[in-house]
Protein backbone atom coordinates (compact mmCIF):
# COMPACT_ATOMS: atom_id res chain seq x y z
CA MET A 1 14.64 3.68 32.48
CA MET A 2 15.29 3.13 28.77
CA ASN A 3 11.95 1.44 28.17
CA LYS A 4 10.17 4.41 29.87
CA THR A 5 12.11 6.78 27.56
CA LEU A 6 11.21 4.82 24.45
CA THR A 7 7.51 4.60 25.62
CA LYS A 8 7.42 8.42 26.07
CA ILE A 9 8.93 9.03 22.56
CA GLU A 10 6.24 6.64 21.20
CA ASN A 11 3.42 8.56 22.94
CA THR A 12 4.46 11.90 21.82
CA LYS A 13 4.44 10.96 18.04
CA PRO A 14 2.01 13.23 16.22
CA LEU A 15 0.49 10.87 13.69
CA SER A 16 -2.40 8.62 14.52
CA ALA A 17 -3.84 5.86 12.32
CA PHE A 18 -6.57 8.33 11.08
CA GLY A 19 -3.79 10.86 10.13
CA LEU A 20 -1.74 8.11 8.41
CA LYS A 21 -4.88 7.18 6.36
CA LEU A 22 -5.45 10.79 5.42
CA VAL A 23 -1.72 11.00 4.09
CA ALA A 24 -2.39 7.80 2.32
CA VAL A 25 -5.55 8.87 0.59
CA ILE A 26 -4.20 12.30 -0.42
CA THR A 27 -1.02 11.01 -1.90
CA MET A 28 -2.84 8.13 -3.58
CA LEU A 29 -5.20 10.72 -5.22
CA ILE A 30 -2.13 12.73 -6.36
CA ASP A 31 -0.64 9.47 -7.80
CA HIS A 32 -3.82 8.68 -9.78
CA LEU A 33 -4.25 12.09 -11.16
CA GLY A 34 -0.81 11.71 -12.76
CA LEU A 35 -1.49 8.21 -13.93
CA VAL A 36 -4.87 8.88 -15.40
CA PHE A 37 -4.14 12.27 -17.08
CA ARG A 38 -0.68 11.45 -18.32
CA PRO A 39 -1.58 12.23 -21.97
CA TYR A 40 -2.56 15.77 -21.03
CA ILE A 41 0.28 16.87 -18.74
CA SER A 42 4.08 17.30 -19.14
CA MET A 43 6.34 14.52 -18.35
CA ASP A 44 8.00 16.48 -15.56
CA PHE A 45 4.63 17.16 -13.92
CA PHE A 46 3.69 13.54 -14.42
CA TRP A 47 6.89 12.35 -12.72
CA CYS A 48 6.36 14.60 -9.74
CA LEU A 49 2.73 13.38 -9.11
CA ARG A 50 3.89 9.74 -9.37
CA LEU A 51 6.85 10.32 -7.02
CA ILE A 52 4.55 11.79 -4.31
CA GLY A 53 2.03 9.04 -4.98
CA ARG A 54 4.62 6.42 -4.09
CA ILE A 55 4.11 7.40 -0.42
CA ALA A 56 0.71 5.84 -0.44
CA MET A 57 1.32 2.20 -0.86
CA PRO A 58 3.76 1.71 2.10
CA LEU A 59 1.19 3.49 4.38
CA TYR A 60 -1.64 1.13 3.26
CA CYS A 61 0.54 -1.89 3.86
CA LEU A 62 1.37 -0.72 7.33
CA MET A 63 -2.26 -0.12 7.98
CA ALA A 64 -3.09 -3.65 6.79
CA VAL A 65 -0.58 -5.13 9.23
CA GLU A 66 -2.11 -2.85 12.04
CA GLY A 67 -5.62 -4.08 10.92
CA VAL A 68 -4.71 -7.64 11.35
CA MET A 69 -3.03 -7.19 14.69
CA HIS A 70 -5.97 -5.16 16.10
CA THR A 71 -9.16 -6.55 14.55
CA ARG A 72 -11.51 -8.39 16.90
CA ASN A 73 -13.11 -10.36 13.89
CA PHE A 74 -10.77 -11.08 11.09
CA LYS A 75 -13.45 -12.76 8.96
CA LYS A 76 -15.58 -9.52 8.93
CA TYR A 77 -12.34 -7.57 8.18
CA ALA A 78 -11.39 -9.86 5.37
CA LEU A 79 -15.01 -9.97 3.94
CA ARG A 80 -15.07 -6.23 3.98
CA MET A 81 -11.79 -6.08 2.08
CA LEU A 82 -13.07 -8.71 -0.50
CA THR A 83 -16.41 -6.75 -0.96
CA PHE A 84 -14.39 -3.52 -1.74
CA ALA A 85 -11.99 -5.35 -3.99
CA VAL A 86 -14.97 -6.50 -6.04
CA ILE A 87 -16.69 -3.11 -5.96
CA SER A 88 -13.45 -1.38 -7.06
CA GLU A 89 -12.52 -3.61 -10.04
CA ILE A 90 -14.63 -1.76 -12.66
CA PRO A 91 -13.62 1.72 -11.51
CA PHE A 92 -9.99 0.46 -11.46
CA ASP A 93 -10.28 -0.78 -14.98
CA MET A 94 -11.99 2.51 -16.03
CA ALA A 95 -9.31 4.74 -14.67
CA VAL A 96 -6.13 2.71 -15.36
CA GLY A 97 -7.02 0.18 -18.14
CA ARG A 98 -6.67 2.63 -21.00
CA LYS A 99 -8.74 0.29 -23.18
CA THR A 100 -11.86 0.73 -25.31
CA GLY A 101 -15.11 -0.99 -25.66
CA ILE A 102 -15.99 -3.66 -23.05
CA TYR A 103 -12.26 -3.78 -21.86
CA PHE A 104 -12.77 -0.14 -20.68
CA ILE A 105 -14.89 -1.41 -17.72
CA PHE A 106 -13.75 -5.12 -17.55
CA ASN A 107 -10.03 -5.86 -18.08
CA LEU A 108 -8.46 -9.07 -16.70
CA ASN A 109 -4.98 -8.02 -17.48
CA SER A 110 -4.72 -6.17 -14.10
CA GLN A 111 -6.61 -6.18 -10.98
CA ASN A 112 -6.98 -3.47 -8.27
CA VAL A 113 -4.71 -3.16 -5.22
CA MET A 114 -7.46 -4.19 -2.78
CA TRP A 115 -6.83 -7.79 -3.98
CA THR A 116 -3.12 -7.48 -3.02
CA LEU A 117 -4.08 -5.97 0.43
CA LEU A 118 -6.62 -8.87 0.87
CA ALA A 119 -3.96 -11.42 -0.09
CA GLY A 120 -1.58 -9.77 2.50
CA ILE A 121 -3.96 -9.84 5.42
CA ILE A 122 -4.78 -13.43 4.72
CA MET A 123 -1.20 -14.21 4.57
CA LEU A 124 -0.66 -12.60 7.95
CA TYR A 125 -3.63 -14.36 9.46
CA ILE A 126 -2.07 -17.75 8.50
CA ILE A 127 1.25 -16.82 10.04
CA GLU A 128 -0.41 -15.50 13.19
CA TYR A 129 -2.58 -18.53 13.52
CA CYS A 130 0.30 -20.78 13.38
CA ARG A 131 2.10 -18.71 15.97
CA LYS A 132 -0.79 -18.64 18.45
CA THR A 133 -1.90 -22.31 18.07
CA ASN A 134 1.18 -24.35 17.35
CA VAL A 135 4.57 -22.55 17.48
CA LYS A 136 6.45 -25.28 15.73
CA PHE A 137 4.60 -24.33 12.51
CA PHE A 138 5.43 -20.62 13.05
CA ILE A 139 8.86 -20.62 11.23
CA PRO A 140 7.68 -22.74 8.25
CA ALA A 141 4.64 -20.51 7.97
CA LEU A 142 6.89 -17.41 8.19
CA VAL A 143 9.00 -18.85 5.34
CA VAL A 144 6.61 -20.53 3.09
CA THR A 145 3.35 -18.38 3.19
CA PRO A 146 4.87 -15.17 1.78
CA VAL A 147 6.39 -17.08 -1.15
CA LEU A 148 3.05 -18.64 -1.96
CA PHE A 149 1.16 -15.36 -1.82
CA TYR A 150 3.90 -13.58 -3.63
CA PHE A 151 3.43 -15.81 -6.72
CA LEU A 152 -0.35 -15.75 -6.29
CA CYS A 153 -0.43 -11.97 -6.72
CA GLU A 154 2.08 -12.11 -9.55
CA LYS A 155 0.10 -14.79 -11.50
CA THR A 156 -3.20 -13.02 -10.98
CA ARG A 157 -1.70 -9.63 -11.79
CA THR A 158 -3.00 -7.58 -8.83
CA ASP A 159 -1.73 -4.08 -8.53
CA TYR A 160 1.74 -4.05 -7.00
CA GLY A 161 1.68 -7.82 -7.18
CA GLY A 162 4.31 -9.72 -5.20
CA TYR A 163 5.96 -6.55 -4.30
CA GLY A 164 3.03 -5.46 -2.23
CA ILE A 165 3.14 -8.81 -0.48
CA LEU A 166 6.72 -8.27 0.39
CA MET A 167 5.96 -4.80 1.72
CA ILE A 168 3.29 -6.13 3.99
CA TYR A 169 5.53 -8.99 5.11
CA LEU A 170 8.42 -6.75 5.97
CA PHE A 171 6.39 -4.41 8.01
CA TYR A 172 4.91 -7.46 9.83
CA ILE A 173 8.46 -8.65 10.51
CA VAL A 174 9.52 -5.36 11.97
CA ARG A 175 6.40 -4.90 14.06
CA GLU A 176 5.79 -8.39 15.43
CA VAL A 177 8.91 -10.58 15.07
CA ILE A 178 11.98 -8.45 15.78
CA PRO A 179 11.76 -7.58 19.51
CA LEU A 180 12.65 -3.79 19.33
CA LYS A 181 10.64 -0.86 20.49
CA GLY A 182 10.66 2.98 20.31
CA ILE A 183 13.33 4.61 18.24
CA TRP A 184 15.01 1.35 17.37
CA ARG A 185 11.92 0.03 15.70
CA ASP A 186 11.51 3.35 13.85
CA VAL A 187 14.95 2.78 12.54
CA LEU A 188 14.08 -0.58 11.38
CA PHE A 189 10.82 0.68 9.70
CA ALA A 190 12.94 3.31 7.98
CA LEU A 191 15.37 0.69 6.78
CA ALA A 192 12.51 -1.47 5.66
CA VAL A 193 11.21 1.45 3.51
CA VAL A 194 14.55 1.98 2.01
CA LEU A 195 14.94 -1.67 1.22
CA LEU A 196 11.50 -1.69 -0.32
CA SER A 197 12.30 1.50 -2.35
CA PHE A 198 15.54 0.36 -3.84
CA PRO A 199 17.00 -3.35 -3.79
CA LEU A 200 13.54 -5.18 -3.49
CA HIS A 201 11.97 -2.96 -6.07
CA ILE A 202 14.90 -3.38 -8.58
CA LEU A 203 14.67 -7.23 -8.00
CA CYS A 204 10.92 -7.06 -8.72
CA PHE A 205 10.74 -4.49 -11.51
CA GLY A 206 14.23 -3.80 -12.80
CA SER A 207 16.20 -0.53 -12.47
CA ALA A 208 15.00 1.67 -15.42
CA GLY A 209 15.47 5.37 -14.63
CA PHE A 210 13.58 8.63 -15.71
CA SER A 211 14.34 12.12 -16.58
CA LEU A 212 13.01 14.96 -14.26
CA PHE A 213 13.51 18.65 -15.10
CA GLY A 214 16.47 17.73 -17.28
CA PHE A 215 18.19 15.51 -14.72
CA TRP A 216 18.51 11.71 -15.14
CA ILE A 217 17.43 9.81 -12.11
CA PRO A 218 19.08 6.34 -12.29
CA CYS A 219 16.33 4.30 -10.71
CA SER A 220 12.66 3.62 -11.16
CA PHE A 221 10.12 6.33 -9.90
CA GLU A 222 9.19 3.80 -7.28
CA CYS A 223 12.05 5.16 -5.32
CA GLY A 224 9.69 7.80 -4.19
CA ALA A 225 8.43 5.31 -1.72
CA VAL A 226 11.30 6.29 0.51
CA LEU A 227 9.49 9.47 1.32
CA ALA A 228 7.18 7.26 3.21
CA ILE A 229 9.82 7.17 6.03
CA VAL A 230 8.48 10.44 7.29
CA PRO A 231 4.87 9.43 7.99
CA VAL A 232 5.84 5.80 9.01
CA THR A 233 8.30 6.96 11.66
CA LEU A 234 5.91 9.75 12.92
CA TYR A 235 3.05 7.13 13.39
CA GLY A 236 2.58 6.49 17.18
CA GLY A 237 0.29 3.43 16.96
CA LYS A 238 -2.80 5.31 18.30
CA GLN A 239 -6.02 5.14 16.54
CA GLY A 240 -6.93 8.82 16.71
CA TYR A 241 -10.32 10.05 15.47
CA HIS A 242 -12.67 7.11 14.72
CA SER A 243 -16.30 6.98 13.61
CA LYS A 244 -18.36 4.81 11.31
CA ALA A 245 -18.55 7.66 8.83
CA SER A 246 -14.70 8.04 8.62
CA LYS A 247 -14.41 4.22 8.40
CA GLN A 248 -16.71 4.06 5.48
CA PHE A 249 -15.01 7.06 3.87
CA PHE A 250 -11.68 5.49 3.74
CA TYR A 251 -13.02 2.22 2.28
CA TRP A 252 -15.14 3.90 -0.35
CA PHE A 253 -12.73 6.59 -1.31
CA TYR A 254 -10.62 4.14 -3.45
CA SER A 255 -13.36 2.88 -5.74
CA ALA A 256 -15.17 6.23 -5.76
CA HIS A 257 -12.30 8.41 -6.73
CA LEU A 258 -11.23 5.85 -9.48
CA ALA A 259 -14.70 5.95 -10.88
CA VAL A 260 -14.68 9.80 -11.00
CA LEU A 261 -11.31 9.93 -12.59
CA GLY A 262 -12.27 7.12 -15.08
CA ILE A 263 -15.46 9.12 -16.14
CA ILE A 264 -13.54 12.43 -16.39
CA PHE A 265 -10.87 10.76 -18.63
CA TRP A 266 -13.61 9.18 -20.76
CA PHE A 267 -15.31 12.46 -21.27
CA ILE A 268 -12.07 14.34 -22.23
CA ARG A 269 -11.22 11.61 -24.63
CA THR A 270 -14.69 11.81 -26.33
CA LEU A 271 -14.22 15.55 -26.86
CA LYS A 272 -11.04 14.86 -28.90
């Protein structure tokens, strides 16, 4: 009876994977508007945009976990992610790099978030491969693999770095390893988001605060990721609307919007 009730709750959740992706791209765009145009807006407006934008990364990490668990061809999935990681690098440097000359379009000091997501799905593939082929390697893979990929992303300076790997890993643990369903899994997802927003983020980046509308917020603006609890717990696990065009849109949006924002920023700067 309890299982039927939990399943019914799961089936009535309003947010599909398509809806979750829409929330992710909208909040990411809001975040990058603040990041790119920081010199031209007030600090209060800047922090508001960045706080809202913190919702995006947990959603992308959750979708990365869902992608690994549902894909019929992991090699194609990973190759597609790799392709867009390469395509997005120059737009990312243009929008985020804040450099001049050749470094405006090619900056090795930071890499775009697609590299982090790619590392995350490869990490999950290794763990899942061990679980399905030889279970005695599952626990060692569950422990060792995230550590290796954490330091890989930190050393290569991918966007979100090891913190992004921890986010993907934690969502995987809640979804696949802990045997809870329905509302109890929602509680765990919510706790995972809170953990990522505060203790783990402080561990990775420190606890510097910021001022918003005259009030001192005693934590990093990354604490805004806690807002992702709402879409994460409203997600029912269904695919929702799906077409080849929508699939291409979500992949191309990242590099395309960064390129547009980078060009606009460059144009404004040349007028100064």
